[in-house]
Amino acid sequence: MKPEPEQAIIDKHHPNQQPEISPRKNRKSKPKHKNNLKPSQNQIQPTQSQDYLQSFIEDIEERAFQEYFWQIVEQSPPSADDVNMAEQNSSLQLLNSASTKRQQSEIPSLINGEKKRLV
């Protein structure tokens, strides 16, 4: 019981008749991604000010990274040269402080000694 050729043409163009293909397969699929290469009306095109803003943000990020990097470098353990310099400086400071203490202790004893001589 095949439909006659005329009936097949009528069925093909008749909107209310069920198609042979399941409705799921026949349905038009929507695009999965809206990020097509063609710009849509709602899509914002980057302007010159937005490009400037993006470069400004990148500059700030670079500066922040540099600041963070140098903080880490300053907190890292000192090198052997730094240790040697620090030891030399501290030994010089010890010598200076020892000589100042000696001078401070000598001055009162000299004054006391002179007082004893005067008496």
PDB file of N, CA and C in Angstrom:
ATOM      1  N   MET A   1       0.834  -1.187   0.000  1.00  0.00           N
ATOM      2  CA  MET A   1       0.000   0.000   0.000  1.00  0.00           C
ATOM      3  C   MET A   1       0.869   1.237   0.000  1.00  0.00           C
ATOM      4  N   LYS A   2       1.607   1.369  -1.047  1.00  0.00           N
ATOM      5  CA  LYS A   2       2.416   2.564  -1.213  1.00  0.00           C
ATOM      6  C   LYS A   2       1.511   3.709  -1.608  1.00  0.00           C
ATOM      7  N   PRO A   3       1.847   4.914  -1.085  1.00  0.00           N
ATOM      8  CA  PRO A   3       1.038   6.044  -1.545  1.00  0.00           C
ATOM      9  C   PRO A   3       1.321   6.310  -3.017  1.00  0.00           C
ATOM     10  N   GLU A   4       0.339   6.788  -3.664  1.00  0.00           N
ATOM     11  CA  GLU A   4       0.498   7.116  -5.077  1.00  0.00           C
ATOM     12  C   GLU A   4       1.439   8.303  -5.189  1.00  0.00           C
ATOM     13  N   PRO A   5       2.082   8.477  -6.320  1.00  0.00           N
ATOM     14  CA  PRO A   5       3.014   9.601  -6.467  1.00  0.00           C
ATOM     15  C   PRO A   5       2.374  10.941  -6.152  1.00  0.00           C
ATOM     16  N   GLU A   6       1.142  11.128  -6.562  1.00  0.00           N
ATOM     17  CA  GLU A   6       0.490  12.400  -6.255  1.00  0.00           C
ATOM     18  C   GLU A   6       0.293  12.550  -4.751  1.00  0.00           C
ATOM     19  N   GLN A   7      -0.082  11.447  -4.096  1.00  0.00           N
ATOM     20  CA  GLN A   7      -0.294  11.474  -2.649  1.00  0.00           C
ATOM     21  C   GLN A   7       1.027  11.758  -1.926  1.00  0.00           C
ATOM     22  N   ALA A   8       2.131  11.218  -2.408  1.00  0.00           N
ATOM     23  CA  ALA A   8       3.437  11.447  -1.796  1.00  0.00           C
ATOM     24  C   ALA A   8       3.805  12.922  -1.879  1.00  0.00           C
ATOM     25  N   ILE A   9       3.538  13.546  -2.985  1.00  0.00           N
ATOM     26  CA  ILE A   9       3.834  14.972  -3.137  1.00  0.00           C
ATOM     27  C   ILE A   9       2.970  15.779  -2.185  1.00  0.00           C
ATOM     28  N   ILE A  10       1.710  15.425  -2.048  1.00  0.00           N
ATOM     29  CA  ILE A  10       0.809  16.137  -1.146  1.00  0.00           C
ATOM     30  C   ILE A  10       1.268  15.951   0.299  1.00  0.00           C
ATOM     31  N   ASP A  11       1.634  14.713   0.687  1.00  0.00           N
ATOM     32  CA  ASP A  11       2.096  14.439   2.050  1.00  0.00           C
ATOM     33  C   ASP A  11       3.367  15.235   2.365  1.00  0.00           C
ATOM     34  N   LYS A  12       4.220  15.345   1.363  1.00  0.00           N
ATOM     35  CA  LYS A  12       5.481  16.057   1.572  1.00  0.00           C
ATOM     36  C   LYS A  12       5.230  17.521   1.918  1.00  0.00           C
ATOM     37  N   HIS A  13       4.248  18.111   1.310  1.00  0.00           N
ATOM     38  CA  HIS A  13       3.991  19.532   1.529  1.00  0.00           C
ATOM     39  C   HIS A  13       2.904  19.800   2.557  1.00  0.00           C
ATOM     40  N   HIS A  14       2.293  18.770   3.067  1.00  0.00           N
ATOM     41  CA  HIS A  14       1.212  18.962   4.031  1.00  0.00           C
ATOM     42  C   HIS A  14       1.809  19.220   5.410  1.00  0.00           C
ATOM     43  N   PRO A  15       1.509  20.352   6.070  1.00  0.00           N
ATOM     44  CA  PRO A  15       2.158  20.693   7.333  1.00  0.00           C
ATOM     45  C   PRO A  15       1.698  19.863   8.526  1.00  0.00           C
ATOM     46  N   ASN A  16       0.492  19.325   8.517  1.00  0.00           N
ATOM     47  CA  ASN A  16      -0.027  18.651   9.708  1.00  0.00           C
ATOM     48  C   ASN A  16       0.321  17.176   9.780  1.00  0.00           C
ATOM     49  N   GLN A  17       0.859  16.624   8.759  1.00  0.00           N
ATOM     50  CA  GLN A  17       1.131  15.195   8.762  1.00  0.00           C
ATOM     51  C   GLN A  17       2.472  14.915   9.446  1.00  0.00           C
ATOM     52  N   GLN A  18       2.533  13.801  10.204  1.00  0.00           N
ATOM     53  CA  GLN A  18       3.753  13.425  10.914  1.00  0.00           C
ATOM     54  C   GLN A  18       4.832  13.008   9.921  1.00  0.00           C
ATOM     55  N   PRO A  19       6.042  13.491  10.092  1.00  0.00           N
ATOM     56  CA  PRO A  19       7.111  13.045   9.193  1.00  0.00           C
ATOM     57  C   PRO A  19       7.579  11.650   9.583  1.00  0.00           C
ATOM     58  N   GLU A  20       8.235  10.961   8.672  1.00  0.00           N
ATOM     59  CA  GLU A  20       8.735   9.624   8.947  1.00  0.00           C
ATOM     60  C   GLU A  20       9.913   9.678   9.922  1.00  0.00           C
ATOM     61  N   ILE A  21      10.676  10.744   9.886  1.00  0.00           N
ATOM     62  CA  ILE A  21      11.823  10.907  10.785  1.00  0.00           C
ATOM     63  C   ILE A  21      11.295  11.358  12.140  1.00  0.00           C
ATOM     64  N   SER A  22      11.940  10.906  13.196  1.00  0.00           N
ATOM     65  CA  SER A  22      11.484  11.288  14.531  1.00  0.00           C
ATOM     66  C   SER A  22      11.606  12.802  14.709  1.00  0.00           C
ATOM     67  N   PRO A  23      10.754  13.387  15.536  1.00  0.00           N
ATOM     68  CA  PRO A  23      10.771  14.844  15.706  1.00  0.00           C
ATOM     69  C   PRO A  23      12.103  15.361  16.250  1.00  0.00           C
ATOM     70  N   ARG A  24      12.793  14.546  17.067  1.00  0.00           N
ATOM     71  CA  ARG A  24      14.067  14.992  17.623  1.00  0.00           C
ATOM     72  C   ARG A  24      15.103  15.216  16.535  1.00  0.00           C
ATOM     73  N   LYS A  25      15.181  14.303  15.597  1.00  0.00           N
ATOM     74  CA  LYS A  25      16.175  14.434  14.539  1.00  0.00           C
ATOM     75  C   LYS A  25      15.788  15.517  13.543  1.00  0.00           C
ATOM     76  N   ASN A  26      14.494  15.751  13.407  1.00  0.00           N
ATOM     77  CA  ASN A  26      14.025  16.711  12.423  1.00  0.00           C
ATOM     78  C   ASN A  26      14.143  18.145  12.929  1.00  0.00           C
ATOM     79  N   ARG A  27      14.230  18.298  14.223  1.00  0.00           N
ATOM     80  CA  ARG A  27      14.243  19.621  14.824  1.00  0.00           C
ATOM     81  C   ARG A  27      15.521  20.359  14.438  1.00  0.00           C
ATOM     82  N   LYS A  28      15.398  21.630  14.204  1.00  0.00           N
ATOM     83  CA  LYS A  28      16.575  22.433  13.881  1.00  0.00           C
ATOM     84  C   LYS A  28      17.388  22.635  15.148  1.00  0.00           C
ATOM     85  N   SER A  29      18.668  22.385  15.046  1.00  0.00           N
ATOM     86  CA  SER A  29      19.515  22.532  16.237  1.00  0.00           C
ATOM     87  C   SER A  29      19.961  23.981  16.365  1.00  0.00           C
ATOM     88  N   LYS A  30      20.000  24.422  17.601  1.00  0.00           N
ATOM     89  CA  LYS A  30      20.474  25.777  17.873  1.00  0.00           C
ATOM     90  C   LYS A  30      21.992  25.747  17.914  1.00  0.00           C
ATOM     91  N   PRO A  31      22.633  26.829  17.585  1.00  0.00           N
ATOM     92  CA  PRO A  31      24.102  26.828  17.676  1.00  0.00           C
ATOM     93  C   PRO A  31      24.536  26.656  19.126  1.00  0.00           C
ATOM     94  N   LYS A  32      25.525  25.794  19.342  1.00  0.00           N
ATOM     95  CA  LYS A  32      25.970  25.503  20.701  1.00  0.00           C
ATOM     96  C   LYS A  32      26.753  26.664  21.297  1.00  0.00           C
ATOM     97  N   HIS A  33      27.544  27.316  20.473  1.00  0.00           N
ATOM     98  CA  HIS A  33      28.375  28.409  20.965  1.00  0.00           C
ATOM     99  C   HIS A  33      27.941  29.710  20.323  1.00  0.00           C
ATOM    100  N   LYS A  34      27.835  30.718  21.123  1.00  0.00           N
ATOM    101  CA  LYS A  34      27.458  32.023  20.599  1.00  0.00           C
ATOM    102  C   LYS A  34      28.670  32.814  20.125  1.00  0.00           C
ATOM    103  N   ASN A  35      29.866  32.335  20.437  1.00  0.00           N
ATOM    104  CA  ASN A  35      31.073  33.059  20.043  1.00  0.00           C
ATOM    105  C   ASN A  35      31.442  32.718  18.603  1.00  0.00           C
ATOM    106  N   ASN A  36      30.629  33.160  17.697  1.00  0.00           N
ATOM    107  CA  ASN A  36      30.925  32.948  16.289  1.00  0.00           C
ATOM    108  C   ASN A  36      31.940  33.981  15.840  1.00  0.00           C
ATOM    109  N   LEU A  37      32.514  33.730  14.677  1.00  0.00           N
ATOM    110  CA  LEU A  37      33.485  34.696  14.163  1.00  0.00           C
ATOM    111  C   LEU A  37      32.805  35.989  13.744  1.00  0.00           C
ATOM    112  N   LYS A  38      31.560  35.871  13.325  1.00  0.00           N
ATOM    113  CA  LYS A  38      30.841  37.077  12.935  1.00  0.00           C
ATOM    114  C   LYS A  38      30.407  37.822  14.194  1.00  0.00           C
ATOM    115  N   PRO A  39      30.669  39.113  14.278  1.00  0.00           N
ATOM    116  CA  PRO A  39      30.230  39.855  15.466  1.00  0.00           C
ATOM    117  C   PRO A  39      28.713  40.015  15.459  1.00  0.00           C
ATOM    118  N   SER A  40      28.110  39.717  16.572  1.00  0.00           N
ATOM    119  CA  SER A  40      26.667  39.888  16.676  1.00  0.00           C
ATOM    120  C   SER A  40      26.366  41.333  17.081  1.00  0.00           C
ATOM    121  N   GLN A  41      25.101  41.657  17.087  1.00  0.00           N
ATOM    122  CA  GLN A  41      24.719  43.025  17.441  1.00  0.00           C
ATOM    123  C   GLN A  41      24.988  43.308  18.907  1.00  0.00           C
ATOM    124  N   ASN A  42      24.826  42.301  19.753  1.00  0.00           N
ATOM    125  CA  ASN A  42      25.004  42.500  21.191  1.00  0.00           C
ATOM    126  C   ASN A  42      26.463  42.426  21.622  1.00  0.00           C
ATOM    127  N   GLN A  43      27.329  41.902  20.762  1.00  0.00           N
ATOM    128  CA  GLN A  43      28.730  41.726  21.137  1.00  0.00           C
ATOM    129  C   GLN A  43      29.445  43.076  21.115  1.00  0.00           C
ATOM    130  N   ILE A  44      30.204  43.343  22.166  1.00  0.00           N
ATOM    131  CA  ILE A  44      30.910  44.621  22.282  1.00  0.00           C
ATOM    132  C   ILE A  44      32.232  44.523  21.535  1.00  0.00           C
ATOM    133  N   GLN A  45      32.454  45.461  20.660  1.00  0.00           N
ATOM    134  CA  GLN A  45      33.719  45.512  19.932  1.00  0.00           C
ATOM    135  C   GLN A  45      34.718  46.322  20.748  1.00  0.00           C
ATOM    136  N   PRO A  46      35.964  45.839  20.875  1.00  0.00           N
ATOM    137  CA  PRO A  46      36.937  46.608  21.652  1.00  0.00           C
ATOM    138  C   PRO A  46      37.233  47.945  20.985  1.00  0.00           C
ATOM    139  N   THR A  47      37.208  48.967  21.780  1.00  0.00           N
ATOM    140  CA  THR A  47      37.507  50.296  21.265  1.00  0.00           C
ATOM    141  C   THR A  47      38.930  50.656  21.637  1.00  0.00           C
ATOM    142  N   GLN A  48      39.348  51.822  21.226  1.00  0.00           N
ATOM    143  CA  GLN A  48      40.710  52.256  21.518  1.00  0.00           C
ATOM    144  C   GLN A  48      40.900  52.428  23.021  1.00  0.00           C
ATOM    145  N   SER A  49      39.878  52.941  23.703  1.00  0.00           N
ATOM    146  CA  SER A  49      39.997  53.132  25.149  1.00  0.00           C
ATOM    147  C   SER A  49      40.059  51.789  25.870  1.00  0.00           C
ATOM    148  N   GLN A  50      39.346  50.790  25.368  1.00  0.00           N
ATOM    149  CA  GLN A  50      39.407  49.468  25.986  1.00  0.00           C
ATOM    150  C   GLN A  50      40.773  48.832  25.771  1.00  0.00           C
ATOM    151  N   ASP A  51      41.357  49.040  24.583  1.00  0.00           N
ATOM    152  CA  ASP A  51      42.711  48.538  24.333  1.00  0.00           C
ATOM    153  C   ASP A  51      43.694  49.218  25.274  1.00  0.00           C
ATOM    154  N   TYR A  52      43.534  50.522  25.462  1.00  0.00           N
ATOM    155  CA  TYR A  52      44.401  51.263  26.379  1.00  0.00           C
ATOM    156  C   TYR A  52      44.236  50.734  27.801  1.00  0.00           C
ATOM    157  N   LEU A  53      42.993  50.489  28.192  1.00  0.00           N
ATOM    158  CA  LEU A  53      42.711  49.966  29.528  1.00  0.00           C
ATOM    159  C   LEU A  53      43.361  48.597  29.713  1.00  0.00           C
ATOM    160  N   GLN A  54      43.271  47.757  28.693  1.00  0.00           N
ATOM    161  CA  GLN A  54      43.880  46.427  28.777  1.00  0.00           C
ATOM    162  C   GLN A  54      45.395  46.539  28.932  1.00  0.00           C
ATOM    163  N   SER A  55      46.023  47.418  28.172  1.00  0.00           N
ATOM    164  CA  SER A  55      47.479  47.575  28.294  1.00  0.00           C
ATOM    165  C   SER A  55      47.834  48.172  29.654  1.00  0.00           C
ATOM    166  N   PHE A  56      47.001  49.069  30.168  1.00  0.00           N
ATOM    167  CA  PHE A  56      47.221  49.655  31.489  1.00  0.00           C
ATOM    168  C   PHE A  56      47.167  48.575  32.570  1.00  0.00           C
ATOM    169  N   ILE A  57      46.182  47.691  32.471  1.00  0.00           N
ATOM    170  CA  ILE A  57      46.051  46.594  33.434  1.00  0.00           C
ATOM    171  C   ILE A  57      47.265  45.681  33.359  1.00  0.00           C
ATOM    172  N   GLU A  58      47.723  45.387  32.145  1.00  0.00           N
ATOM    173  CA  GLU A  58      48.910  44.540  31.996  1.00  0.00           C
ATOM    174  C   GLU A  58      50.137  45.199  32.611  1.00  0.00           C
ATOM    175  N   ASP A  59      50.267  46.517  32.452  1.00  0.00           N
ATOM    176  CA  ASP A  59      51.392  47.233  33.065  1.00  0.00           C
ATOM    177  C   ASP A  59      51.333  47.138  34.587  1.00  0.00           C
ATOM    178  N   ILE A  60      50.151  47.302  35.149  1.00  0.00           N
ATOM    179  CA  ILE A  60      49.994  47.216  36.607  1.00  0.00           C
ATOM    180  C   ILE A  60      50.349  45.817  37.090  1.00  0.00           C
ATOM    181  N   GLU A  61      49.895  44.803  36.357  1.00  0.00           N
ATOM    182  CA  GLU A  61      50.227  43.428  36.742  1.00  0.00           C
ATOM    183  C   GLU A  61      51.728  43.197  36.691  1.00  0.00           C
ATOM    184  N   GLU A  62      52.391  43.744  35.670  1.00  0.00           N
ATOM    185  CA  GLU A  62      53.844  43.589  35.552  1.00  0.00           C
ATOM    186  C   GLU A  62      54.557  44.274  36.711  1.00  0.00           C
ATOM    187  N   ARG A  63      54.105  45.472  37.057  1.00  0.00           N
ATOM    188  CA  ARG A  63      54.723  46.188  38.186  1.00  0.00           C
ATOM    189  C   ARG A  63      54.519  45.433  39.493  1.00  0.00           C
ATOM    190  N   ALA A  64      53.321  44.906  39.688  1.00  0.00           N
ATOM    191  CA  ALA A  64      53.040  44.148  40.912  1.00  0.00           C
ATOM    192  C   ALA A  64      53.925  42.910  40.979  1.00  0.00           C
ATOM    193  N   PHE A  65      54.109  42.263  39.850  1.00  0.00           N
ATOM    194  CA  PHE A  65      54.978  41.084  39.825  1.00  0.00           C
ATOM    195  C   PHE A  65      56.408  41.478  40.166  1.00  0.00           C
ATOM    196  N   GLN A  66      56.892  42.590  39.586  1.00  0.00           N
ATOM    197  CA  GLN A  66      58.263  43.034  39.871  1.00  0.00           C
ATOM    198  C   GLN A  66      58.428  43.342  41.357  1.00  0.00           C
ATOM    199  N   GLU A  67      57.438  44.011  41.936  1.00  0.00           N
ATOM    200  CA  GLU A  67      57.502  44.343  43.357  1.00  0.00           C
ATOM    201  C   GLU A  67      57.553  43.071  44.205  1.00  0.00           C
ATOM    202  N   TYR A  68      56.689  42.126  43.876  1.00  0.00           N
ATOM    203  CA  TYR A  68      56.648  40.851  44.592  1.00  0.00           C
ATOM    204  C   TYR A  68      57.973  40.113  44.426  1.00  0.00           C
ATOM    205  N   PHE A  69      58.514  40.111  43.213  1.00  0.00           N
ATOM    206  CA  PHE A  69      59.779  39.430  42.937  1.00  0.00           C
ATOM    207  C   PHE A  69      60.897  40.006  43.792  1.00  0.00           C
ATOM    208  N   TRP A  70      60.995  41.337  43.867  1.00  0.00           N
ATOM    209  CA  TRP A  70      62.091  41.941  44.629  1.00  0.00           C
ATOM    210  C   TRP A  70      61.903  41.751  46.126  1.00  0.00           C
ATOM    211  N   GLN A  71      60.651  41.665  46.594  1.00  0.00           N
ATOM    212  CA  GLN A  71      60.425  41.353  48.011  1.00  0.00           C
ATOM    213  C   GLN A  71      60.949  39.964  48.335  1.00  0.00           C
ATOM    214  N   ILE A  72      60.709  39.030  47.438  1.00  0.00           N
ATOM    215  CA  ILE A  72      61.206  37.665  47.657  1.00  0.00           C
ATOM    216  C   ILE A  72      62.728  37.655  47.630  1.00  0.00           C
ATOM    217  N   VAL A  73      63.314  38.399  46.696  1.00  0.00           N
ATOM    218  CA  VAL A  73      64.775  38.444  46.596  1.00  0.00           C
ATOM    219  C   VAL A  73      65.367  39.021  47.876  1.00  0.00           C
ATOM    220  N   GLU A  74      64.738  40.063  48.410  1.00  0.00           N
ATOM    221  CA  GLU A  74      65.255  40.675  49.637  1.00  0.00           C
ATOM    222  C   GLU A  74      65.113  39.742  50.834  1.00  0.00           C
ATOM    223  N   GLN A  75      64.110  38.882  50.823  1.00  0.00           N
ATOM    224  CA  GLN A  75      63.890  37.971  51.941  1.00  0.00           C
ATOM    225  C   GLN A  75      64.685  36.675  51.803  1.00  0.00           C
ATOM    226  N   SER A  76      65.286  36.453  50.639  1.00  0.00           N
ATOM    227  CA  SER A  76      66.032  35.211  50.432  1.00  0.00           C
ATOM    228  C   SER A  76      67.316  35.234  51.249  1.00  0.00           C
ATOM    229  N   PRO A  77      67.893  34.068  51.536  1.00  0.00           N
ATOM    230  CA  PRO A  77      69.119  34.037  52.328  1.00  0.00           C
ATOM    231  C   PRO A  77      70.243  34.787  51.613  1.00  0.00           C
ATOM    232  N   PRO A  78      71.082  35.488  52.357  1.00  0.00           N
ATOM    233  CA  PRO A  78      72.126  36.293  51.730  1.00  0.00           C
ATOM    234  C   PRO A  78      73.205  35.420  51.095  1.00  0.00           C
ATOM    235  N   SER A  79      73.859  35.979  50.107  1.00  0.00           N
ATOM    236  CA  SER A  79      74.951  35.259  49.450  1.00  0.00           C
ATOM    237  C   SER A  79      76.203  35.331  50.318  1.00  0.00           C
ATOM    238  N   ALA A  80      77.242  34.601  49.929  1.00  0.00           N
ATOM    239  CA  ALA A  80      78.495  34.576  50.699  1.00  0.00           C
ATOM    240  C   ALA A  80      79.135  35.960  50.731  1.00  0.00           C
ATOM    241  N   ASP A  81      79.076  36.694  49.630  1.00  0.00           N
ATOM    242  CA  ASP A  81      79.644  38.051  49.600  1.00  0.00           C
ATOM    243  C   ASP A  81      78.925  38.957  50.588  1.00  0.00           C
ATOM    244  N   ASP A  82      77.591  38.835  50.618  1.00  0.00           N
ATOM    245  CA  ASP A  82      76.818  39.653  51.557  1.00  0.00           C
ATOM    246  C   ASP A  82      77.191  39.324  52.996  1.00  0.00           C
ATOM    247  N   VAL A  83      77.386  38.040  53.282  1.00  0.00           N
ATOM    248  CA  VAL A  83      77.749  37.623  54.639  1.00  0.00           C
ATOM    249  C   VAL A  83      79.113  38.193  55.009  1.00  0.00           C
ATOM    250  N   ASN A  84      80.075  38.121  54.089  1.00  0.00           N
ATOM    251  CA  ASN A  84      81.418  38.660  54.358  1.00  0.00           C
ATOM    252  C   ASN A  84      81.368  40.156  54.633  1.00  0.00           C
ATOM    253  N   MET A  85      80.598  40.879  53.821  1.00  0.00           N
ATOM    254  CA  MET A  85      80.486  42.328  54.022  1.00  0.00           C
ATOM    255  C   MET A  85      79.841  42.624  55.372  1.00  0.00           C
ATOM    256  N   ALA A  86      78.826  41.864  55.720  1.00  0.00           N
ATOM    257  CA  ALA A  86      78.144  42.090  56.997  1.00  0.00           C
ATOM    258  C   ALA A  86      79.084  41.803  58.161  1.00  0.00           C
ATOM    259  N   GLU A  87      79.881  40.753  58.033  1.00  0.00           N
ATOM    260  CA  GLU A  87      80.836  40.435  59.103  1.00  0.00           C
ATOM    261  C   GLU A  87      81.885  41.536  59.249  1.00  0.00           C
ATOM    262  N   GLN A  88      82.362  42.044  58.133  1.00  0.00           N
ATOM    263  CA  GLN A  88      83.346  43.133  58.199  1.00  0.00           C
ATOM    264  C   GLN A  88      82.731  44.368  58.843  1.00  0.00           C
ATOM    265  N   ASN A  89      81.504  44.681  58.434  1.00  0.00           N
ATOM    266  CA  ASN A  89      80.837  45.852  59.007  1.00  0.00           C
ATOM    267  C   ASN A  89      80.592  45.669  60.501  1.00  0.00           C
ATOM    268  N   SER A  90      80.156  44.474  60.891  1.00  0.00           N
ATOM    269  CA  SER A  90      79.875  44.257  62.312  1.00  0.00           C
ATOM    270  C   SER A  90      81.163  44.282  63.128  1.00  0.00           C
ATOM    271  N   SER A  91      82.253  43.758  62.568  1.00  0.00           N
ATOM    272  CA  SER A  91      83.522  43.809  63.320  1.00  0.00           C
ATOM    273  C   SER A  91      84.001  45.245  63.452  1.00  0.00           C
ATOM    274  N   LEU A  92      83.805  46.055  62.414  1.00  0.00           N
ATOM    275  CA  LEU A  92      84.159  47.476  62.517  1.00  0.00           C
ATOM    276  C   LEU A  92      83.290  48.166  63.560  1.00  0.00           C
ATOM    277  N   GLN A  93      82.017  47.822  63.581  1.00  0.00           N
ATOM    278  CA  GLN A  93      81.121  48.429  64.573  1.00  0.00           C
ATOM    279  C   GLN A  93      81.519  48.014  65.979  1.00  0.00           C
ATOM    280  N   LEU A  94      81.919  46.755  66.139  1.00  0.00           N
ATOM    281  CA  LEU A  94      82.363  46.302  67.462  1.00  0.00           C
ATOM    282  C   LEU A  94      83.617  47.055  67.896  1.00  0.00           C
ATOM    283  N   LEU A  95      84.550  47.235  66.968  1.00  0.00           N
ATOM    284  CA  LEU A  95      85.771  47.987  67.294  1.00  0.00           C
ATOM    285  C   LEU A  95      85.429  49.421  67.685  1.00  0.00           C
ATOM    286  N   ASN A  96      84.564  50.036  66.907  1.00  0.00           N
ATOM    287  CA  ASN A  96      84.178  51.418  67.196  1.00  0.00           C
ATOM    288  C   ASN A  96      83.478  51.521  68.543  1.00  0.00           C
ATOM    289  N   SER A  97      82.546  50.595  68.800  1.00  0.00           N
ATOM    290  CA  SER A  97      81.822  50.672  70.071  1.00  0.00           C
ATOM    291  C   SER A  97      82.759  50.381  71.240  1.00  0.00           C
ATOM    292  N   ALA A  98      83.721  49.469  71.055  1.00  0.00           N
ATOM    293  CA  ALA A  98      84.673  49.175  72.135  1.00  0.00           C
ATOM    294  C   ALA A  98      85.547  50.387  72.422  1.00  0.00           C
ATOM    295  N   SER A  99      85.991  51.052  71.360  1.00  0.00           N
ATOM    296  CA  SER A  99      86.842  52.231  71.589  1.00  0.00           C
ATOM    297  C   SER A  99      86.041  53.359  72.229  1.00  0.00           C
ATOM    298  N   THR A 100      84.781  53.502  71.855  1.00  0.00           N
ATOM    299  CA  THR A 100      83.964  54.556  72.478  1.00  0.00           C
ATOM    300  C   THR A 100      83.721  54.241  73.946  1.00  0.00           C
ATOM    301  N   LYS A 101      83.458  52.984  74.248  1.00  0.00           N
ATOM    302  CA  LYS A 101      83.249  52.611  75.650  1.00  0.00           C
ATOM    303  C   LYS A 101      84.524  52.851  76.459  1.00  0.00           C
ATOM    304  N   ARG A 102      85.662  52.530  75.858  1.00  0.00           N
ATOM    305  CA  ARG A 102      86.926  52.731  76.561  1.00  0.00           C
ATOM    306  C   ARG A 102      87.158  54.217  76.820  1.00  0.00           C
ATOM    307  N   GLN A 103      86.866  55.022  75.789  1.00  0.00           N
ATOM    308  CA  GLN A 103      87.046  56.466  75.959  1.00  0.00           C
ATOM    309  C   GLN A 103      86.098  56.996  77.028  1.00  0.00           C
ATOM    310  N   GLN A 104      84.862  56.520  77.005  1.00  0.00           N
ATOM    311  CA  GLN A 104      83.897  56.991  77.997  1.00  0.00           C
ATOM    312  C   GLN A 104      84.312  56.568  79.400  1.00  0.00           C
ATOM    313  N   SER A 105      84.891  55.394  79.522  1.00  0.00           N
ATOM    314  CA  SER A 105      85.315  54.955  80.856  1.00  0.00           C
ATOM    315  C   SER A 105      86.611  55.661  81.272  1.00  0.00           C
ATOM    316  N   GLU A 106      87.444  56.029  80.325  1.00  0.00           N
ATOM    317  CA  GLU A 106      88.707  56.705  80.657  1.00  0.00           C
ATOM    318  C   GLU A 106      88.474  58.144  81.094  1.00  0.00           C
ATOM    319  N   ILE A 107      87.526  58.809  80.470  1.00  0.00           N
ATOM    320  CA  ILE A 107      87.306  60.227  80.787  1.00  0.00           C
ATOM    321  C   ILE A 107      86.937  60.412  82.250  1.00  0.00           C
ATOM    322  N   PRO A 108      85.974  59.688  82.799  1.00  0.00           N
ATOM    323  CA  PRO A 108      85.683  59.881  84.229  1.00  0.00           C
ATOM    324  C   PRO A 108      86.864  59.490  85.121  1.00  0.00           C
ATOM    325  N   SER A 109      87.584  58.439  84.750  1.00  0.00           N
ATOM    326  CA  SER A 109      88.725  58.051  85.593  1.00  0.00           C
ATOM    327  C   SER A 109      89.810  59.113  85.539  1.00  0.00           C
ATOM    328  N   LEU A 110      89.992  59.745  84.398  1.00  0.00           N
ATOM    329  CA  LEU A 110      90.974  60.831  84.305  1.00  0.00           C
ATOM    330  C   LEU A 110      90.530  62.011  85.163  1.00  0.00           C
ATOM    331  N   ILE A 111      89.228  62.297  85.075  1.00  0.00           N
ATOM    332  CA  ILE A 111      88.711  63.413  85.875  1.00  0.00           C
ATOM    333  C   ILE A 111      88.864  63.094  87.358  1.00  0.00           C
ATOM    334  N   ASN A 112      88.507  61.864  87.744  1.00  0.00           N
ATOM    335  CA  ASN A 112      88.651  61.462  89.144  1.00  0.00           C
ATOM    336  C   ASN A 112      90.121  61.465  89.562  1.00  0.00           C
ATOM    337  N   GLY A 113      91.001  61.042  88.684  1.00  0.00           N
ATOM    338  CA  GLY A 113      92.433  61.036  88.982  1.00  0.00           C
ATOM    339  C   GLY A 113      92.958  62.437  89.182  1.00  0.00           C
ATOM    340  N   GLU A 114      92.496  63.373  88.359  1.00  0.00           N
ATOM    341  CA  GLU A 114      92.937  64.757  88.498  1.00  0.00           C
ATOM    342  C   GLU A 114      92.406  65.355  89.790  1.00  0.00           C
ATOM    343  N   LYS A 115      91.185  64.970  90.164  1.00  0.00           N
ATOM    344  CA  LYS A 115      90.617  65.472  91.415  1.00  0.00           C
ATOM    345  C   LYS A 115      91.441  64.982  92.595  1.00  0.00           C
ATOM    346  N   LYS A 116      91.864  63.714  92.492  1.00  0.00           N
ATOM    347  CA  LYS A 116      92.667  63.172  93.583  1.00  0.00           C
ATOM    348  C   LYS A 116      93.998  63.911  93.670  1.00  0.00           C
ATOM    349  N   ARG A 117      94.562  64.230  92.517  1.00  0.00           N
ATOM    350  CA  ARG A 117      95.840  64.942  92.519  1.00  0.00           C
ATOM    351  C   ARG A 117      95.675  66.352  93.080  1.00  0.00           C
ATOM    352  N   LEU A 118      94.512  66.943  92.730  1.00  0.00           N
ATOM    353  CA  LEU A 118      94.293  68.303  93.196  1.00  0.00           C
ATOM    354  C   LEU A 118      94.091  68.351  94.706  1.00  0.00           C
ATOM    355  N   VAL A 119      93.562  67.334  95.250  1.00  0.00           N
ATOM    356  CA  VAL A 119      93.259  67.333  96.671  1.00  0.00           C
ATOM    357  C   VAL A 119      94.438  67.139  97.528  1.00  0.00           C
TER     358      VAL A 119
END
